[in-house]
């Protein structure tokens, strides 16, 4: 296993921690703040937000059972993905390996950062084959991306397979758990002490219903979190987003109710799709969406668009020929979708 020092880009090893006045820990309420060129009027919006999001991290720590030093917060999980590339991957030199099909953002951000991207096909059960993935890695492979439950398949990747990659791969392994709240699987965020090369992604967009806040979480060793904090943009999470997130996280009863309702609706929708004449196959899911293979995906997609219903046509993705991904909506929204499909001729 390579050390963290060996994995990070050479020029970052010499980068001093950010020490600007604006990025220091927040001052006490009674301190006269004349250090950051803030406007003294229009309180509280006149003040810069806490750059380290300490109160929000304390709330998350209590809920997720992860120490605050192991939590990084970004402007959506895309920020953490981008930081992984910027910290560990040298443009035009290094590459990353990802399961396929999976979320397009890993590839997109690799392209933006000029990093090689190597997809490795899952098997026909949408499961990872560790030997196949490891075979795709070379001396310049710095990161492996694994989304579990995976998008767009909705299937969790077998835990033993992920553990094998974490053990045998000598680079960074990112496990994206953006949909884990809808799954029975255990989170890898509790394995940070066991695997120093592990980064776990999560989000406030799905289970917590806060996509508008653009708030993503990364759980990692303290050393990796410090690297994130060292190169992130100043004040990446607004005060309004931090305050709203704390309020949402404290209302665990409401969140649990949302998740339970979505899971119940998912069960109903999977059964309903399984008997639709135009559905060739529907796949089991542990996310807030499911994958369905249609007999004529192009015609169905266009028909639904004309009915004012938007689903995701993922037929261009490997192993997803003629497939759509359907997000679990409200019961009313789901019923409208089913009614439209039952009327299709």
Protein backbone atom coordinates (compact mmCIF):
# COMPACT_ATOMS: atom_id res chain seq x y z
CA UNK A 1 0.00 0.00 0.00
CA UNK A 2 1.38 3.41 -1.00
CA UNK A 3 1.53 6.11 1.65
CA UNK A 4 -0.62 9.20 1.38
CA UNK A 5 2.53 11.19 0.72
CA UNK A 6 3.26 9.00 -2.31
CA UNK A 7 -0.30 9.26 -3.64
CA UNK A 8 -0.81 13.02 -3.63
CA UNK A 9 0.44 15.19 -6.49
CA UNK A 10 4.07 16.28 -5.92
CA UNK A 11 3.46 20.04 -5.86
CA UNK A 12 0.79 19.65 -3.16
CA UNK A 13 3.30 18.08 -0.78
CA UNK A 14 4.93 21.49 -0.47
CA UNK A 15 1.71 23.48 -0.23
CA UNK A 16 1.35 25.24 3.10
CA UNK A 17 -2.04 25.09 4.87
CA UNK A 18 -4.32 28.02 4.11
CA UNK A 19 -3.77 30.71 6.75
CA UNK A 20 -5.71 33.68 5.36
CA UNK A 21 -7.75 35.70 7.82
CA UNK A 22 -10.96 34.78 6.02
CA UNK A 23 -10.32 31.05 6.47
CA UNK A 24 -9.67 31.12 10.20
CA UNK A 25 -12.17 29.56 12.59
CA UNK A 26 -15.22 31.78 13.28
CA UNK A 27 -14.84 34.45 15.94
CA UNK A 28 -16.93 34.69 19.07
CA UNK A 29 -20.13 36.73 18.86
CA UNK A 30 -18.82 39.55 21.07
CA UNK A 31 -15.65 40.12 19.03
CA UNK A 32 -15.48 43.34 17.01
CA UNK A 33 -14.80 42.02 13.49
CA UNK A 34 -12.60 44.42 11.55
CA UNK A 35 -10.35 41.83 9.95
CA UNK A 36 -12.15 40.52 6.83
CA UNK A 37 -13.42 43.58 4.90
CA UNK A 38 -17.06 42.72 5.64
CA UNK A 39 -19.89 45.24 5.44
CA UNK A 40 -20.98 46.14 9.02
CA UNK A 41 -24.65 46.38 7.95
CA UNK A 42 -27.37 43.91 6.89
CA UNK A 43 -26.75 41.37 9.65
CA UNK A 44 -26.45 38.39 9.66
CA UNK A 45 -25.96 38.13 5.89
CA UNK A 46 -23.05 40.57 6.01
CA UNK A 47 -20.74 38.00 7.66
CA UNK A 48 -18.78 35.27 5.92
CA UNK A 49 -19.95 31.75 6.79
CA UNK A 50 -18.01 29.40 9.05
CA UNK A 51 -15.39 28.03 6.60
CA UNK A 52 -15.12 24.75 8.54
CA UNK A 53 -18.88 24.30 9.12
CA UNK A 54 -18.23 23.27 12.74
CA UNK A 55 -21.82 23.24 14.01
CA UNK A 56 -23.08 21.35 10.99
CA UNK A 57 -20.27 18.82 11.33
CA UNK A 58 -21.14 18.30 15.01
CA UNK A 59 -24.74 17.59 14.04
CA UNK A 60 -23.64 15.18 11.31
CA UNK A 61 -21.14 13.52 13.63
CA UNK A 62 -23.84 12.74 16.19
CA UNK A 63 -26.17 11.38 13.50
CA UNK A 64 -23.66 9.42 11.41
CA UNK A 65 -21.38 8.29 14.27
CA UNK A 66 -18.28 9.69 12.57
CA UNK A 67 -15.81 12.08 14.28
CA UNK A 68 -15.91 15.65 12.99
CA UNK A 69 -12.24 15.39 11.95
CA UNK A 70 -13.28 12.70 9.45
CA UNK A 71 -15.96 14.82 7.74
CA UNK A 72 -15.55 17.10 4.74
CA UNK A 73 -18.48 19.14 3.42
CA UNK A 74 -18.67 20.34 -0.15
CA UNK A 75 -20.93 22.19 -2.55
CA UNK A 76 -22.58 18.97 -3.69
CA UNK A 77 -20.71 15.66 -3.85
CA UNK A 78 -19.29 16.87 -7.19
CA UNK A 79 -16.97 19.18 -5.26
CA UNK A 80 -15.47 16.25 -3.35
CA UNK A 81 -15.13 14.27 -6.60
CA UNK A 82 -13.32 17.19 -8.21
CA UNK A 83 -11.01 17.55 -5.19
CA UNK A 84 -10.10 13.87 -5.39
CA UNK A 85 -8.87 14.44 -8.94
CA UNK A 86 -7.03 17.63 -8.04
CA UNK A 87 -5.30 16.09 -5.02
CA UNK A 88 -4.32 12.66 -6.33
CA UNK A 89 -4.22 12.73 -10.14
CA UNK A 90 -1.60 14.37 -12.33
CA UNK A 91 -3.17 15.61 -15.61
CA UNK A 92 -2.08 13.74 -18.76
CA UNK A 93 -0.25 11.19 -16.58
CA UNK A 94 -2.57 9.45 -14.13
CA UNK A 95 -5.81 7.59 -14.66
CA UNK A 96 -8.77 6.30 -12.69
CA UNK A 97 -10.82 3.11 -12.95
CA UNK A 98 -14.59 2.97 -12.47
CA UNK A 99 -17.28 0.35 -12.67
CA UNK A 100 -19.61 0.56 -15.68
CA UNK A 101 -22.37 1.46 -15.94
CA UNK A 102 -22.25 4.09 -13.22
CA UNK A 103 -22.73 7.80 -12.56
CA UNK A 104 -21.52 9.98 -15.43
CA UNK A 105 -20.04 12.63 -13.13
CA UNK A 106 -16.89 10.59 -12.46
CA UNK A 107 -16.07 10.52 -16.16
CA UNK A 108 -17.12 14.12 -16.75
CA UNK A 109 -14.88 15.48 -14.01
CA UNK A 110 -12.01 13.25 -15.15
CA UNK A 111 -12.31 14.80 -18.61
CA UNK A 112 -12.38 18.32 -17.15
CA UNK A 113 -9.23 17.57 -15.14
CA UNK A 114 -7.54 15.85 -18.11
CA UNK A 115 -7.30 12.52 -16.29
CA UNK A 116 -7.53 9.14 -18.04
CA UNK A 117 -10.77 7.27 -17.35
CA UNK A 118 -11.03 3.47 -17.66
CA UNK A 119 -14.48 1.87 -17.26
CA UNK A 120 -14.72 -1.80 -16.26
CA UNK A 121 -17.96 -3.58 -17.11
CA UNK A 122 -19.99 -5.16 -14.34
CA UNK A 123 -21.28 -8.68 -14.94
CA UNK A 124 -24.82 -9.38 -16.14
CA UNK A 125 -26.06 -9.24 -12.53
CA UNK A 126 -24.61 -5.72 -12.27
CA UNK A 127 -21.92 -6.91 -9.86
CA UNK A 128 -18.24 -6.06 -9.61
CA UNK A 129 -15.60 -8.66 -10.45
CA UNK A 130 -12.57 -7.62 -8.36
CA UNK A 131 -9.96 -9.47 -10.43
CA UNK A 132 -11.23 -7.86 -13.62
CA UNK A 133 -11.15 -4.38 -12.10
CA UNK A 134 -7.70 -4.83 -10.57
CA UNK A 135 -6.40 -6.10 -13.90
CA UNK A 136 -7.45 -2.78 -15.47
CA UNK A 137 -5.29 -0.84 -12.98
CA UNK A 138 -1.71 0.08 -13.81
CA UNK A 139 1.11 2.04 -12.20
CA UNK A 140 -0.63 5.31 -13.03
CA UNK A 141 -4.05 4.37 -11.62
CA UNK A 142 -4.64 6.58 -8.61
CA UNK A 143 -8.35 6.19 -7.87
CA UNK A 144 -11.09 3.55 -8.13
CA UNK A 145 -14.73 4.72 -8.20
CA UNK A 146 -17.47 2.44 -6.83
CA UNK A 147 -21.06 3.63 -6.44
CA UNK A 148 -23.13 1.44 -4.10
CA UNK A 149 -26.08 1.28 -4.45
CA UNK A 150 -25.08 1.94 -8.01
CA UNK A 151 -26.62 4.45 -10.37
CA UNK A 152 -28.40 3.67 -12.69
CA UNK A 153 -28.82 0.00 -11.68
CA UNK A 154 -30.04 0.58 -8.12
CA UNK A 155 -28.09 -2.48 -6.97
CA UNK A 156 -25.59 -2.47 -4.10
CA UNK A 157 -22.14 -3.78 -4.96
CA UNK A 158 -21.25 -6.85 -2.91
CA UNK A 159 -19.42 -5.82 0.23
CA UNK A 160 -16.78 -8.54 -0.04
CA UNK A 161 -15.86 -7.32 -3.50
CA UNK A 162 -15.39 -3.74 -2.29
CA UNK A 163 -13.30 -4.95 0.66
CA UNK A 164 -11.09 -6.91 -1.73
CA UNK A 165 -10.46 -3.79 -3.80
CA UNK A 166 -9.70 -1.76 -0.68
CA UNK A 167 -7.20 -4.38 0.44
CA UNK A 168 -5.43 -5.09 -2.84
CA UNK A 169 -5.47 -1.71 -4.63
CA UNK A 170 -2.66 0.58 -3.52
CA UNK A 171 -4.44 3.82 -4.40
CA UNK A 172 -7.57 5.66 -3.26
CA UNK A 173 -10.93 3.84 -3.31
CA UNK A 174 -14.00 6.08 -3.34
CA UNK A 175 -17.29 4.44 -2.34
CA UNK A 176 -20.21 6.66 -3.32
CA UNK A 177 -23.11 6.00 -0.94
CA UNK A 178 -25.46 8.72 -2.16
CA UNK A 179 -28.40 6.28 -2.08
CA UNK A 180 -27.52 4.15 0.94
CA UNK A 181 -30.41 5.43 3.05
CA UNK A 182 -32.77 3.45 0.82
CA UNK A 183 -30.73 0.25 1.18
CA UNK A 184 -30.22 -2.49 3.74
CA UNK A 185 -26.43 -2.39 3.32
CA UNK A 186 -24.09 -1.10 6.02
CA UNK A 187 -22.16 2.08 5.35
CA UNK A 188 -18.43 1.95 4.72
CA UNK A 189 -18.01 5.18 6.70
CA UNK A 190 -17.49 3.00 9.79
CA UNK A 191 -14.47 1.32 8.14
CA UNK A 192 -12.20 4.39 8.01
CA UNK A 193 -9.90 3.07 10.73
CA UNK A 194 -9.48 -0.21 8.86
CA UNK A 195 -8.85 1.27 5.40
CA UNK A 196 -6.68 4.38 5.23
CA UNK A 197 -7.22 4.60 1.45
CA UNK A 198 -11.02 4.84 1.74
CA UNK A 199 -13.20 7.87 0.95
CA UNK A 200 -16.98 7.57 1.37
CA UNK A 201 -19.32 10.01 -0.36
CA UNK A 202 -22.82 10.91 0.79
CA UNK A 203 -25.34 13.64 0.02
CA UNK A 204 -28.19 15.68 1.46
CA UNK A 205 -29.97 15.60 -1.91
CA UNK A 206 -31.80 12.28 -1.77
CA UNK A 207 -32.98 10.97 1.62
CA UNK A 208 -32.92 14.44 3.19
CA UNK A 209 -34.79 16.15 0.36
CA UNK A 210 -32.29 19.03 0.15
CA UNK A 211 -31.01 18.97 -3.43
CA UNK A 212 -31.40 22.76 -3.58
CA UNK A 213 -28.85 23.23 -0.78
CA UNK A 214 -26.06 21.57 -2.82
CA UNK A 215 -24.48 19.87 0.17
CA UNK A 216 -22.35 16.75 -0.14
CA UNK A 217 -20.33 14.88 2.46
CA UNK A 218 -17.03 13.02 2.24
CA UNK A 219 -15.89 10.77 5.08
CA UNK A 220 -12.18 9.96 5.16
CA UNK A 221 -9.13 9.83 7.39
CA UNK A 222 -8.21 13.07 9.14
CA UNK A 223 -5.18 13.41 6.86
CA UNK A 224 -7.29 13.25 3.68
CA UNK A 225 -9.87 15.66 5.12
CA UNK A 226 -7.07 18.11 5.90
CA UNK A 227 -5.94 17.89 2.27
CA UNK A 228 -9.49 18.64 1.13
CA UNK A 229 -9.68 21.64 3.45
CA UNK A 230 -6.30 22.89 2.26
CA UNK A 231 -7.23 23.21 -1.42
CA UNK A 232 -10.99 23.84 -1.33
CA UNK A 233 -12.45 27.19 -2.32
CA UNK A 234 -13.01 29.62 0.57
CA UNK A 235 -16.46 29.54 2.19
CA UNK A 236 -17.75 26.76 -0.04
CA UNK A 237 -20.93 26.25 2.03
CA UNK A 238 -23.13 29.32 2.62
CA UNK A 239 -24.42 30.24 6.07
CA UNK A 240 -27.99 29.75 4.83
CA UNK A 241 -27.22 26.22 3.60
CA UNK A 242 -25.46 25.34 6.88
CA UNK A 243 -28.36 26.58 8.99
CA UNK A 244 -31.01 24.84 6.89
CA UNK A 245 -29.07 21.57 6.88
CA UNK A 246 -28.78 21.57 10.68
CA UNK A 247 -32.53 22.04 11.00
CA UNK A 248 -33.26 19.20 8.57
CA UNK A 249 -30.80 16.80 10.20
CA UNK A 250 -32.37 17.35 13.61
CA UNK A 251 -35.78 16.27 12.29
CA UNK A 252 -34.90 12.57 12.03
CA UNK A 253 -38.53 11.44 12.44
CA UNK A 254 -39.62 13.30 9.30
CA UNK A 255 -36.62 12.02 7.32
CA UNK A 256 -37.31 8.43 8.37
CA UNK A 257 -40.92 8.87 7.27
CA UNK A 258 -39.86 10.13 3.84
CA UNK A 259 -37.44 7.25 3.34
CA UNK A 260 -39.98 4.65 4.48
CA UNK A 261 -42.63 6.04 2.12
CA UNK A 262 -40.21 6.04 -0.82
CA UNK A 263 -39.23 2.42 -0.12
CA UNK A 264 -42.89 1.40 0.03
CA UNK A 265 -43.59 3.18 -3.24
CA UNK A 266 -40.54 1.54 -4.80
CA UNK A 267 -41.96 -1.90 -3.97
CA UNK A 268 -45.30 -0.94 -5.49
CA UNK A 269 -43.74 0.51 -8.63
CA UNK A 270 -41.48 -2.49 -9.21
CA UNK A 271 -44.50 -4.78 -9.14
CA UNK A 272 -46.55 -2.45 -11.33
CA UNK A 273 -43.81 -2.27 -13.97
CA UNK A 274 -43.34 -6.04 -13.92
CA UNK A 275 -46.85 -6.51 -15.38
CA UNK A 276 -46.78 -3.65 -17.91
CA UNK A 277 -47.02 -4.99 -21.48
CA UNK A 278 -44.34 -2.56 -22.69
CA UNK A 279 -41.85 -3.51 -19.96
CA UNK A 280 -39.52 -6.37 -20.89
CA UNK A 281 -37.77 -6.50 -17.50
CA UNK A 282 -37.63 -4.54 -14.26
CA UNK A 283 -34.62 -4.78 -11.99
CA UNK A 284 -34.64 -4.96 -8.19
CA UNK A 285 -33.41 -1.77 -6.56
CA UNK A 286 -32.14 -0.49 -3.22
CA UNK A 287 -32.13 3.16 -4.23
CA UNK A 288 -34.79 5.85 -4.70
CA UNK A 289 -35.07 4.83 -8.35
CA UNK A 290 -35.17 1.66 -10.43
CA UNK A 291 -34.05 0.46 -13.84
CA UNK A 292 -36.56 -0.93 -16.34
CA UNK A 293 -35.93 -2.43 -19.77
CA UNK A 294 -38.63 -1.41 -22.24
CA UNK A 295 -39.53 -3.06 -25.53
CA UNK A 296 -39.11 0.23 -27.40
CA UNK A 297 -37.36 2.74 -25.17
CA UNK A 298 -37.26 5.52 -27.76
CA UNK A 299 -41.01 5.44 -28.37
CA UNK A 300 -41.83 5.18 -24.64
CA UNK A 301 -39.49 8.03 -23.74
CA UNK A 302 -40.96 10.33 -26.39
CA UNK A 303 -44.52 9.35 -25.45
CA UNK A 304 -43.91 10.19 -21.77
CA UNK A 305 -42.32 13.52 -22.70
CA UNK A 306 -45.44 14.41 -24.64
CA UNK A 307 -47.48 13.53 -21.54
CA UNK A 308 -45.35 15.90 -19.45
CA UNK A 309 -43.48 13.10 -17.65
CA UNK A 310 -39.69 12.99 -17.60
CA UNK A 311 -37.70 9.80 -16.98
CA UNK A 312 -34.02 9.15 -17.71
CA UNK A 313 -33.22 7.33 -20.94
CA UNK A 314 -30.03 5.42 -20.09
CA UNK A 315 -30.04 3.15 -23.14
CA UNK A 316 -26.71 4.68 -24.21
CA UNK A 317 -24.98 3.24 -21.14
CA UNK A 318 -23.29 -0.19 -21.22
CA UNK A 319 -25.55 -3.10 -20.16
CA UNK A 320 -28.55 -0.73 -20.23
CA UNK A 321 -29.86 -1.22 -23.76
CA UNK A 322 -33.52 -0.12 -24.03
CA UNK A 323 -33.53 0.90 -20.35
CA UNK A 324 -35.02 3.84 -18.52
CA UNK A 325 -34.28 4.92 -14.97
CA UNK A 326 -37.37 5.95 -13.02
CA UNK A 327 -37.09 8.06 -9.88
CA UNK A 328 -39.60 7.22 -7.14
CA UNK A 329 -41.84 10.25 -6.88
CA UNK A 330 -44.86 10.96 -4.72
CA UNK A 331 -47.74 8.49 -4.87
CA UNK A 332 -49.65 10.92 -7.07
CA UNK A 333 -46.72 11.33 -9.48
CA UNK A 334 -46.16 7.57 -9.61
CA UNK A 335 -49.83 6.96 -10.35
CA UNK A 336 -49.76 9.46 -13.22
CA UNK A 337 -46.76 7.64 -14.72
CA UNK A 338 -48.44 4.25 -14.42
CA UNK A 339 -51.69 5.58 -15.88
CA UNK A 340 -49.83 6.99 -18.88
CA UNK A 341 -47.98 3.74 -19.50
CA UNK A 342 -51.15 1.67 -19.19
CA UNK A 343 -52.77 3.85 -21.86
CA UNK A 344 -49.83 3.50 -24.23
CA UNK A 345 -50.63 1.82 -27.54
